[in-house]
């Protein structure tokens, strides 16, 4: 770059430009998590001006500048500009208490201009501040939104980042465009990850009561189960969205979860805030068509999941017990959908089995944290040193579920449901193998942090499932 270009300061926007996110949105979400009652004060803060509101929110929330979803290509270019001697100024509408730590973390900004509680440094206010500081066309400016057009009108050159083709054209009409950095695309795969469509497999547990009671031939029950599946899946997706929005900081500390759409900045947080409630309302409307009993259990699931996301997930052991209950609630809701009464045996078996899988999930996360040199799981109440105890509790819970299965096979219920109950005993060693196999893979560090996702992808688990179903079919008189 020649000396003329280097002598012209480059002013850079923060939200949507330097980072693939918006710090005001993230700060409000942080406020929801840290001090939810403060949300009622937002209108009063806003009445004093947007800058005052941003200041008040920033004072009540914390963030880690190292974990933000930076626009890496743009940051690399900025480092080159800085190395060539160009002066870089972070110019953002975010509060100064947010802008300063980000500038210090990156280390290449020479100056920071930001909102200060009195002036909201956006649009025309930002343009006035830059003109007063550097003069008309005495600066270049990098931005990403329509609000930045008011700044580009007074800039010498424009750097357009993460903008649509239409905005690029508008920017060209205001100033000479020096550089364009394309935005990230969010296609069907991104939205599938955001909704966690693969997690909908868990809702297949709704059909367990029908299979356990040998009611597969009841065609009327399948329509109710289909509607129940859709309702549960949409409800679960709404909860996943809320959970991801509230867990941005923790997810960004995790090697795999950091790639989730909200954490990576692939989808803006405001879209999740709008989409989550819509999915929930549709879910409840469908559930009402299934029946009042199912609607009640779905509502219990939603409330418990929300409490888990806000608080219970941070409590040692309570989090795993809650996860086991949430899994079991799917079976309870499935029974309500088809008008069946659950047996003690199925409930006891489910609770112990899902408690073991919940411990597997937490154990895998602790191992991942340990591999990355962490002493404590972020956003959780566990230390990495707790992993051996979690492993012991999980194995004990898994084997307890097998014990319940064995006791069930010696009950009068088996004689009523199965023509050849002795064949069903084959599932005891099958379950012993699978529980042991899951924990062996977890011990080796080969476990996905969601054991049910692992199970549907693991060949040994799938084979165990086929053998389990085969013994059930033979015991029921299907092959003998």
Protein backbone atom coordinates (compact mmCIF):
# COMPACT_ATOMS: atom_id res chain seq x y z
CA UNK A 1 0.00 0.00 0.00
CA UNK A 2 1.34 3.45 -0.87
CA UNK A 3 1.96 6.18 1.68
CA UNK A 4 -1.15 8.13 0.62
CA UNK A 5 -3.42 5.22 1.48
CA UNK A 6 -1.56 4.46 4.70
CA UNK A 7 -1.94 8.04 5.90
CA UNK A 8 -5.72 7.90 5.69
CA UNK A 9 -7.22 6.43 8.88
CA UNK A 10 -9.53 3.46 8.52
CA UNK A 11 -12.57 3.45 10.81
CA UNK A 12 -14.19 0.08 11.43
CA UNK A 13 -17.70 -0.77 12.60
CA UNK A 14 -18.08 -3.55 15.17
CA UNK A 15 -21.49 -5.24 14.96
CA UNK A 16 -21.90 -7.30 11.80
CA UNK A 17 -18.58 -6.05 10.45
CA UNK A 18 -15.73 -6.91 12.76
CA UNK A 19 -17.80 -9.67 14.38
CA UNK A 20 -20.57 -11.88 13.01
CA UNK A 21 -22.94 -10.77 15.73
CA UNK A 22 -24.50 -7.75 17.44
CA UNK A 23 -23.25 -6.86 20.91
CA UNK A 24 -26.50 -5.14 21.91
CA UNK A 25 -28.47 -8.32 21.18
CA UNK A 26 -25.92 -10.44 22.99
CA UNK A 27 -25.89 -8.07 25.96
CA UNK A 28 -29.68 -8.23 26.28
CA UNK A 29 -29.50 -12.04 26.19
CA UNK A 30 -26.79 -11.89 28.85
CA UNK A 31 -29.08 -9.68 30.93
CA UNK A 32 -31.89 -12.24 30.59
CA UNK A 33 -29.56 -14.88 32.01
CA UNK A 34 -27.79 -12.80 34.67
CA UNK A 35 -30.59 -10.53 35.90
CA UNK A 36 -33.92 -11.34 34.19
CA UNK A 37 -35.91 -8.92 36.37
CA UNK A 38 -33.85 -6.07 34.90
CA UNK A 39 -35.74 -6.55 31.63
CA UNK A 40 -38.62 -4.61 33.17
CA UNK A 41 -36.29 -1.62 33.48
CA UNK A 42 -35.43 -1.55 29.75
CA UNK A 43 -38.27 0.85 28.80
CA UNK A 44 -37.16 3.31 31.49
CA UNK A 45 -33.54 3.16 30.33
CA UNK A 46 -34.61 3.55 26.71
CA UNK A 47 -36.69 6.60 27.64
CA UNK A 48 -33.40 8.29 28.59
CA UNK A 49 -31.89 7.45 25.22
CA UNK A 50 -30.50 4.41 23.46
CA UNK A 51 -26.95 5.24 24.58
CA UNK A 52 -28.06 5.22 28.24
CA UNK A 53 -29.83 1.90 27.76
CA UNK A 54 -26.70 0.34 26.24
CA UNK A 55 -24.61 1.63 29.13
CA UNK A 56 -26.98 0.22 31.75
CA UNK A 57 -27.10 -3.19 30.06
CA UNK A 58 -23.32 -3.32 29.63
CA UNK A 59 -22.78 -2.55 33.32
CA UNK A 60 -24.88 -5.57 34.30
CA UNK A 61 -23.40 -8.14 31.92
CA UNK A 62 -20.01 -9.67 31.19
CA UNK A 63 -18.49 -11.14 28.06
CA UNK A 64 -15.26 -12.73 26.90
CA UNK A 65 -13.82 -10.78 23.93
CA UNK A 66 -11.64 -13.73 22.95
CA UNK A 67 -14.65 -15.95 22.28
CA UNK A 68 -16.61 -13.63 19.96
CA UNK A 69 -17.30 -14.80 16.38
CA UNK A 70 -14.82 -12.54 14.59
CA UNK A 71 -14.86 -12.10 10.84
CA UNK A 72 -11.54 -13.88 10.40
CA UNK A 73 -10.88 -12.90 6.77
CA UNK A 74 -11.60 -9.28 7.57
CA UNK A 75 -9.48 -9.37 10.73
CA UNK A 76 -6.56 -10.84 8.76
CA UNK A 77 -6.86 -7.97 6.24
CA UNK A 78 -6.96 -5.44 9.07
CA UNK A 79 -3.77 -6.89 10.50
CA UNK A 80 -2.12 -6.38 7.12
CA UNK A 81 -3.34 -2.79 7.03
CA UNK A 82 -2.00 -2.21 10.53
CA UNK A 83 1.35 -3.78 9.65
CA UNK A 84 1.64 -1.44 6.64
CA UNK A 85 1.33 1.57 8.95
CA UNK A 86 -2.31 2.41 8.45
CA UNK A 87 -4.09 3.87 11.45
CA UNK A 88 -7.12 1.82 12.57
CA UNK A 89 -10.00 3.18 14.64
CA UNK A 90 -12.77 1.04 16.10
CA UNK A 91 -15.92 3.13 15.65
CA UNK A 92 -19.02 1.49 17.04
CA UNK A 93 -22.47 2.18 18.42
CA UNK A 94 -21.78 -0.34 21.19
CA UNK A 95 -21.00 1.05 24.62
CA UNK A 96 -17.42 2.00 25.36
CA UNK A 97 -17.19 -0.63 28.11
CA UNK A 98 -17.74 -3.25 25.40
CA UNK A 99 -15.63 -1.68 22.64
CA UNK A 100 -12.50 -1.16 24.74
CA UNK A 101 -11.97 -4.82 25.77
CA UNK A 102 -12.48 -5.94 22.15
CA UNK A 103 -9.91 -3.42 20.88
CA UNK A 104 -7.45 -4.48 23.59
CA UNK A 105 -7.94 -8.14 22.73
CA UNK A 106 -7.25 -7.66 19.02
CA UNK A 107 -4.32 -5.35 19.67
CA UNK A 108 -4.23 -3.45 16.36
CA UNK A 109 -6.58 -0.53 17.02
CA UNK A 110 -5.02 2.88 17.61
CA UNK A 111 -8.19 4.51 18.92
CA UNK A 112 -11.74 3.66 20.01
CA UNK A 113 -14.84 5.75 19.36
CA UNK A 114 -18.01 4.36 20.92
CA UNK A 115 -21.30 5.21 22.59
CA UNK A 116 -20.75 6.73 26.03
CA UNK A 117 -24.16 6.82 27.69
CA UNK A 118 -24.92 10.24 26.24
CA UNK A 119 -24.48 9.86 22.46
CA UNK A 120 -25.50 6.73 20.55
CA UNK A 121 -22.68 6.56 17.99
CA UNK A 122 -24.69 5.23 15.05
CA UNK A 123 -25.77 6.56 11.66
CA UNK A 124 -25.67 10.37 11.46
CA UNK A 125 -24.15 10.65 14.95
CA UNK A 126 -21.26 8.45 13.88
CA UNK A 127 -20.82 10.50 10.69
CA UNK A 128 -20.69 13.77 12.67
CA UNK A 129 -18.14 12.35 15.11
CA UNK A 130 -15.85 11.13 12.32
CA UNK A 131 -16.10 14.40 10.39
CA UNK A 132 -15.27 16.33 13.57
CA UNK A 133 -12.34 14.01 14.22
CA UNK A 134 -10.88 13.60 10.72
CA UNK A 135 -12.66 16.08 8.45
CA UNK A 136 -14.89 15.59 5.41
CA UNK A 137 -13.59 12.61 3.38
CA UNK A 138 -10.62 12.46 5.70
CA UNK A 139 -11.22 8.84 6.59
CA UNK A 140 -12.15 5.47 5.10
CA UNK A 141 -14.93 3.47 6.68
CA UNK A 142 -15.78 -0.24 6.93
CA UNK A 143 -19.40 -1.14 7.61
CA UNK A 144 -22.13 -3.63 6.81
CA UNK A 145 -25.62 -2.09 7.11
CA UNK A 146 -27.91 0.53 5.62
CA UNK A 147 -27.22 2.76 8.65
CA UNK A 148 -23.60 2.99 7.47
CA UNK A 149 -24.67 4.75 4.24
CA UNK A 150 -24.85 7.99 6.24
CA UNK A 151 -21.20 7.50 7.14
CA UNK A 152 -20.04 6.44 3.66
CA UNK A 153 -21.52 9.68 2.25
CA UNK A 154 -18.75 11.56 4.08
CA UNK A 155 -15.96 8.98 3.76
CA UNK A 156 -13.20 8.95 1.18
CA UNK A 157 -13.54 5.24 0.51
CA UNK A 158 -15.83 2.44 1.62
CA UNK A 159 -15.00 -1.09 2.74
CA UNK A 160 -18.18 -3.16 2.50
CA UNK A 161 -18.41 -6.20 4.78
CA UNK A 162 -21.13 -8.87 5.10
CA UNK A 163 -23.51 -6.82 2.95
CA UNK A 164 -26.11 -7.66 0.31
CA UNK A 165 -25.56 -6.89 -3.38
CA UNK A 166 -28.07 -4.05 -3.13
CA UNK A 167 -26.21 -2.45 -0.22
CA UNK A 168 -22.92 -2.78 -2.10
CA UNK A 169 -24.48 -0.83 -4.96
CA UNK A 170 -25.76 1.84 -2.56
CA UNK A 171 -22.32 2.09 -0.97
CA UNK A 172 -20.74 2.54 -4.41
CA UNK A 173 -23.07 5.47 -5.03
CA UNK A 174 -21.83 7.14 -1.82
CA UNK A 175 -18.09 6.53 -2.05
CA UNK A 176 -15.43 4.62 -3.91
CA UNK A 177 -15.47 1.03 -2.69
CA UNK A 178 -11.95 -0.06 -1.79
CA UNK A 179 -12.69 -3.63 -0.72
CA UNK A 180 -15.64 -6.02 -0.42
CA UNK A 181 -15.78 -8.91 2.06
CA UNK A 182 -18.58 -11.36 1.33
CA UNK A 183 -20.84 -12.47 4.16
CA UNK A 184 -21.41 -16.00 5.39
CA UNK A 185 -24.29 -17.93 3.87
CA UNK A 186 -26.94 -19.63 6.02
CA UNK A 187 -28.58 -22.35 3.93
CA UNK A 188 -30.77 -25.33 4.75
CA UNK A 189 -27.95 -27.09 6.61
CA UNK A 190 -27.49 -24.12 8.93
CA UNK A 191 -31.19 -23.97 9.75
CA UNK A 192 -31.28 -27.72 10.27
CA UNK A 193 -28.50 -27.36 12.83
CA UNK A 194 -30.27 -24.44 14.46
CA UNK A 195 -33.48 -26.44 14.88
CA UNK A 196 -31.44 -29.53 15.86
CA UNK A 197 -33.45 -31.69 13.47
CA UNK A 198 -31.21 -34.66 14.25
CA UNK A 199 -32.32 -34.40 17.88
CA UNK A 200 -35.89 -35.11 16.82
CA UNK A 201 -34.86 -38.78 16.82
CA UNK A 202 -35.24 -38.66 20.60
CA UNK A 203 -38.93 -38.06 20.16
CA UNK A 204 -39.25 -41.58 18.79
CA UNK A 205 -39.45 -42.46 22.50
CA UNK A 206 -43.08 -41.37 22.28
CA UNK A 207 -43.83 -44.70 20.57
CA UNK A 208 -42.19 -46.86 23.27
CA UNK A 209 -45.41 -47.38 25.32
CA UNK A 210 -47.27 -48.57 22.21
CA UNK A 211 -44.53 -51.06 21.37
CA UNK A 212 -44.18 -52.19 24.99
CA UNK A 213 -47.91 -52.94 25.15
CA UNK A 214 -47.83 -54.74 21.77
CA UNK A 215 -50.30 -52.22 20.36
CA UNK A 216 -48.50 -51.70 17.06
CA UNK A 217 -51.53 -52.89 15.06
CA UNK A 218 -53.75 -50.10 16.46
CA UNK A 219 -53.83 -47.81 13.42
CA UNK A 220 -55.72 -45.04 15.22
CA UNK A 221 -52.88 -44.63 17.69
CA UNK A 222 -50.33 -43.92 14.97
CA UNK A 223 -52.02 -40.72 13.81
CA UNK A 224 -52.02 -39.45 17.39
CA UNK A 225 -48.35 -40.40 17.72
CA UNK A 226 -47.48 -38.64 14.46
CA UNK A 227 -49.08 -35.42 15.66
CA UNK A 228 -47.44 -35.88 19.05
CA UNK A 229 -44.05 -36.35 17.35
CA UNK A 230 -44.43 -33.11 15.37
CA UNK A 231 -45.61 -31.18 18.43
CA UNK A 232 -42.77 -32.48 20.60
CA UNK A 233 -40.18 -31.81 17.88
CA UNK A 234 -41.28 -28.20 17.37
CA UNK A 235 -41.41 -27.65 21.13
CA UNK A 236 -37.94 -29.15 21.54
CA UNK A 237 -36.58 -26.92 18.74
CA UNK A 238 -37.99 -23.82 20.42
CA UNK A 239 -36.23 -24.84 23.62
CA UNK A 240 -32.98 -25.59 21.77
CA UNK A 241 -33.12 -22.08 20.27
CA UNK A 242 -33.66 -20.50 23.68
CA UNK A 243 -30.91 -22.64 25.17
CA UNK A 244 -28.42 -21.71 22.43
CA UNK A 245 -29.22 -18.01 22.80
CA UNK A 246 -28.67 -18.12 26.54
CA UNK A 247 -25.59 -20.31 26.25
CA UNK A 248 -23.61 -18.29 23.70
CA UNK A 249 -20.67 -17.74 26.05
CA UNK A 250 -20.44 -21.39 27.12
CA UNK A 251 -20.91 -22.74 23.59
CA UNK A 252 -18.06 -20.60 22.30
CA UNK A 253 -15.76 -22.19 24.87
CA UNK A 254 -16.60 -25.65 23.50
CA UNK A 255 -14.72 -27.02 20.46
CA UNK A 256 -17.85 -28.47 18.81
CA UNK A 257 -20.63 -26.27 20.16
CA UNK A 258 -18.75 -23.15 19.02
CA UNK A 259 -19.85 -24.08 15.48
CA UNK A 260 -23.55 -23.82 16.32
CA UNK A 261 -25.33 -21.18 14.17
CA UNK A 262 -25.87 -18.58 16.91
CA UNK A 263 -22.47 -19.07 18.53
CA UNK A 264 -20.67 -18.82 15.17
CA UNK A 265 -22.74 -15.85 14.04
CA UNK A 266 -24.23 -17.71 11.06
CA UNK A 267 -27.74 -16.68 12.16
CA UNK A 268 -28.38 -13.39 14.00
CA UNK A 269 -29.76 -13.72 17.51
CA UNK A 270 -32.87 -11.62 16.77
CA UNK A 271 -34.12 -14.27 14.33
CA UNK A 272 -33.96 -16.85 17.10
CA UNK A 273 -35.84 -14.55 19.47
CA UNK A 274 -38.66 -14.35 16.92
CA UNK A 275 -38.61 -17.96 15.73
CA UNK A 276 -38.59 -19.64 19.15
CA UNK A 277 -42.01 -18.39 20.33
CA UNK A 278 -43.57 -19.12 16.92
CA UNK A 279 -42.45 -22.75 17.07
CA UNK A 280 -43.75 -23.07 20.62
CA UNK A 281 -47.21 -21.70 19.76
CA UNK A 282 -47.55 -24.03 16.75
CA UNK A 283 -46.40 -26.93 18.91
CA UNK A 284 -49.04 -26.24 21.57
CA UNK A 285 -51.78 -25.90 18.95
CA UNK A 286 -50.90 -29.30 17.49
CA UNK A 287 -50.65 -30.83 20.98
CA UNK A 288 -54.16 -29.61 21.76
CA UNK A 289 -55.40 -31.68 18.81
CA UNK A 290 -53.79 -34.81 20.29
CA UNK A 291 -55.56 -34.43 23.61
CA UNK A 292 -55.51 -32.59 26.96
CA UNK A 293 -53.38 -35.26 28.64
CA UNK A 294 -50.63 -35.00 26.05
CA UNK A 295 -50.83 -31.19 26.06
CA UNK A 296 -50.37 -31.21 29.85
CA UNK A 297 -47.27 -33.41 29.70
CA UNK A 298 -45.80 -31.40 26.82
CA UNK A 299 -46.29 -28.26 28.91
CA UNK A 300 -44.52 -29.92 31.85
CA UNK A 301 -41.65 -30.85 29.52
CA UNK A 302 -41.37 -27.28 28.23
CA UNK A 303 -41.42 -25.68 31.68
CA UNK A 304 -38.90 -28.15 33.11
CA UNK A 305 -36.61 -27.67 30.12
CA UNK A 306 -36.73 -23.90 30.56
CA UNK A 307 -35.89 -24.22 34.26
CA UNK A 308 -33.07 -26.57 33.28
CA UNK A 309 -31.68 -24.05 30.77
CA UNK A 310 -31.84 -21.15 33.22
CA UNK A 311 -30.60 -22.82 36.39
CA UNK A 312 -30.66 -26.59 36.82
CA UNK A 313 -27.95 -27.24 34.23
CA UNK A 314 -25.52 -25.40 36.51
CA UNK A 315 -26.22 -27.65 39.52
CA UNK A 316 -24.04 -30.71 40.04
CA UNK A 317 -25.92 -34.03 39.72
CA UNK A 318 -29.28 -32.22 39.59
CA UNK A 319 -28.58 -31.53 35.91
CA UNK A 320 -28.19 -35.23 35.10
CA UNK A 321 -31.29 -36.19 37.09
CA UNK A 322 -33.24 -33.54 35.19
CA UNK A 323 -32.02 -34.85 31.84
CA UNK A 324 -33.13 -38.37 32.82
CA UNK A 325 -36.57 -37.02 33.74
CA UNK A 326 -36.82 -35.10 30.46
CA UNK A 327 -36.08 -38.26 28.48
CA UNK A 328 -38.62 -40.22 30.52
CA UNK A 329 -41.25 -37.50 30.03
CA UNK A 330 -41.25 -38.34 26.33
CA UNK A 331 -42.37 -41.88 27.18
CA UNK A 332 -44.98 -40.59 29.62
CA UNK A 333 -46.28 -38.13 27.01
CA UNK A 334 -46.39 -40.90 24.40
CA UNK A 335 -48.59 -42.99 26.70
CA UNK A 336 -50.90 -40.01 27.21
CA UNK A 337 -51.12 -39.47 23.45
CA UNK A 338 -52.48 -42.98 22.86
CA UNK A 339 -54.48 -43.21 26.10
CA UNK A 340 -52.37 -45.87 27.81
CA UNK A 341 -51.32 -46.39 31.42
CA UNK A 342 -47.58 -46.83 31.98
CA UNK A 343 -46.27 -49.74 34.00
CA UNK A 344 -43.95 -49.30 36.97
CA UNK A 345 -41.37 -51.47 35.22
CA UNK A 346 -41.11 -49.29 32.11
CA UNK A 347 -40.80 -46.12 34.17
CA UNK A 348 -38.12 -47.56 36.47
CA UNK A 349 -36.16 -48.98 33.53
CA UNK A 350 -36.35 -45.65 31.67
CA UNK A 351 -35.22 -43.52 34.59
CA UNK A 352 -32.14 -45.63 35.34
CA UNK A 353 -31.20 -46.01 31.66
CA UNK A 354 -31.56 -42.34 30.85
CA UNK A 355 -29.74 -41.34 34.02
CA UNK A 356 -26.82 -43.43 32.82
CA UNK A 357 -26.93 -41.74 29.40
CA UNK A 358 -27.08 -38.31 31.07
CA UNK A 359 -23.93 -39.19 33.00
CA UNK A 360 -22.33 -40.34 29.74
CA UNK A 361 -23.10 -36.95 28.22
CA UNK A 362 -21.56 -35.07 31.14
CA UNK A 363 -18.56 -37.43 31.33
CA UNK A 364 -17.82 -36.88 27.61
CA UNK A 365 -17.98 -33.10 28.09
CA UNK A 366 -15.60 -33.25 31.06
CA UNK A 367 -13.15 -35.34 29.06
CA UNK A 368 -13.28 -32.80 26.25
CA UNK A 369 -12.58 -29.97 28.69
CA UNK A 370 -9.70 -31.94 30.19
CA UNK A 371 -8.12 -32.45 26.76
CA UNK A 372 -8.18 -28.69 26.25
CA UNK A 373 -6.48 -28.03 29.56
CA UNK A 374 -9.56 -26.75 31.38
CA UNK A 375 -10.01 -27.36 35.11
CA UNK A 376 -13.72 -26.55 35.19
CA UNK A 377 -16.56 -27.03 32.73
CA UNK A 378 -17.77 -23.58 31.65
CA UNK A 379 -21.36 -22.91 32.68
CA UNK A 380 -21.54 -26.15 34.67
CA UNK A 381 -20.90 -27.01 38.31
CA UNK A 382 -18.38 -29.75 37.50
CA UNK A 383 -14.61 -29.87 37.69
CA UNK A 384 -12.69 -32.10 35.32
CA UNK A 385 -11.47 -34.06 38.37
CA UNK A 386 -15.10 -35.19 38.86
CA UNK A 387 -14.96 -37.34 35.73
CA UNK A 388 -14.10 -40.66 37.49
CA UNK A 389 -16.98 -40.24 39.95
CA UNK A 390 -19.41 -39.39 37.13
CA UNK A 391 -18.22 -42.48 35.30
CA UNK A 392 -18.84 -44.68 38.35
CA UNK A 393 -22.33 -43.26 38.91
CA UNK A 394 -23.19 -43.67 35.24
CA UNK A 395 -22.11 -47.30 35.03
CA UNK A 396 -24.04 -48.10 38.23
CA UNK A 397 -27.17 -46.44 36.82
CA UNK A 398 -26.88 -48.35 33.56
CA UNK A 399 -26.51 -51.72 35.26
CA UNK A 400 -29.44 -50.82 37.55
CA UNK A 401 -31.62 -50.46 34.46
CA UNK A 402 -30.59 -53.96 33.38
CA UNK A 403 -31.47 -55.26 36.85
CA UNK A 404 -34.94 -53.71 36.54
CA UNK A 405 -35.30 -55.40 33.15
CA UNK A 406 -34.34 -58.76 34.64
CA UNK A 407 -36.85 -58.38 37.48
CA UNK A 408 -39.54 -57.40 34.99
CA UNK A 409 -38.91 -60.55 32.98
CA UNK A 410 -39.73 -62.55 36.09
CA UNK A 411 -43.10 -60.81 36.61
CA UNK A 412 -46.63 -61.90 35.69
CA UNK A 413 -46.82 -59.09 33.10
CA UNK A 414 -44.36 -60.98 30.90
CA UNK A 415 -46.50 -64.13 30.93
CA UNK A 416 -49.48 -62.07 29.79
CA UNK A 417 -47.69 -60.27 26.94
CA UNK A 418 -45.30 -62.93 25.62
CA UNK A 419 -45.97 -66.43 24.35
CA UNK A 420 -42.31 -67.41 24.79
CA UNK A 421 -40.98 -65.20 27.63
CA UNK A 422 -37.80 -67.25 27.94
CA UNK A 423 -36.60 -65.74 24.65
CA UNK A 424 -36.96 -62.20 26.00
CA UNK A 425 -34.31 -63.07 28.59
CA UNK A 426 -31.83 -62.77 25.72
CA UNK A 427 -32.15 -59.01 26.02
CA UNK A 428 -30.48 -58.99 29.44
CA UNK A 429 -27.00 -59.77 28.02
CA UNK A 430 -27.75 -57.48 25.07
CA UNK A 431 -28.36 -54.56 27.43
CA UNK A 432 -25.36 -55.48 29.57
CA UNK A 433 -23.20 -55.40 26.44
CA UNK A 434 -24.59 -52.10 25.19
CA UNK A 435 -24.26 -50.25 28.50
CA UNK A 436 -20.69 -51.55 28.86
CA UNK A 437 -19.91 -50.67 25.23
CA UNK A 438 -21.18 -47.09 25.58
CA UNK A 439 -19.10 -46.51 28.67
CA UNK A 440 -16.04 -48.14 27.13
CA UNK A 441 -16.25 -45.78 24.16
CA UNK A 442 -16.78 -42.85 26.52
CA UNK A 443 -13.74 -43.91 28.58
CA UNK A 444 -11.65 -43.93 25.40
CA UNK A 445 -12.80 -40.43 24.52
CA UNK A 446 -14.77 -41.66 21.50
CA UNK A 447 -18.23 -40.60 22.68
CA UNK A 448 -20.33 -37.91 21.02
CA UNK A 449 -21.56 -35.57 23.75
CA UNK A 450 -25.09 -36.75 22.97
CA UNK A 451 -25.19 -40.54 23.52
CA UNK A 452 -28.43 -41.01 21.56
CA UNK A 453 -26.85 -39.39 18.50
CA UNK A 454 -23.89 -41.71 19.04
CA UNK A 455 -26.21 -44.72 19.24
CA UNK A 456 -27.89 -44.11 15.87
CA UNK A 457 -24.51 -43.76 14.17
CA UNK A 458 -22.59 -46.53 15.94
CA UNK A 459 -22.67 -49.92 14.17
CA UNK A 460 -22.38 -51.96 17.36
CA UNK A 461 -25.26 -50.02 18.94
CA UNK A 462 -27.43 -50.48 15.87
CA UNK A 463 -26.68 -54.21 15.84
CA UNK A 464 -27.56 -54.45 19.53
CA UNK A 465 -30.86 -52.72 18.77
CA UNK A 466 -31.65 -55.20 16.01
CA UNK A 467 -30.88 -58.18 18.27
CA UNK A 468 -32.99 -56.61 21.06
CA UNK A 469 -35.96 -56.26 18.68
CA UNK A 470 -35.43 -59.81 17.41
CA UNK A 471 -35.67 -61.31 20.91
CA UNK A 472 -38.84 -59.26 21.55
CA UNK A 473 -40.38 -60.52 18.31
CA UNK A 474 -39.51 -64.17 19.01
CA UNK A 475 -40.78 -63.87 22.60
CA UNK A 476 -44.05 -62.43 21.35
CA UNK A 477 -44.52 -65.47 19.12
CA UNK A 478 -43.52 -63.89 15.85
CA UNK A 479 -41.04 -66.58 14.82
CA UNK A 480 -41.82 -69.58 17.03
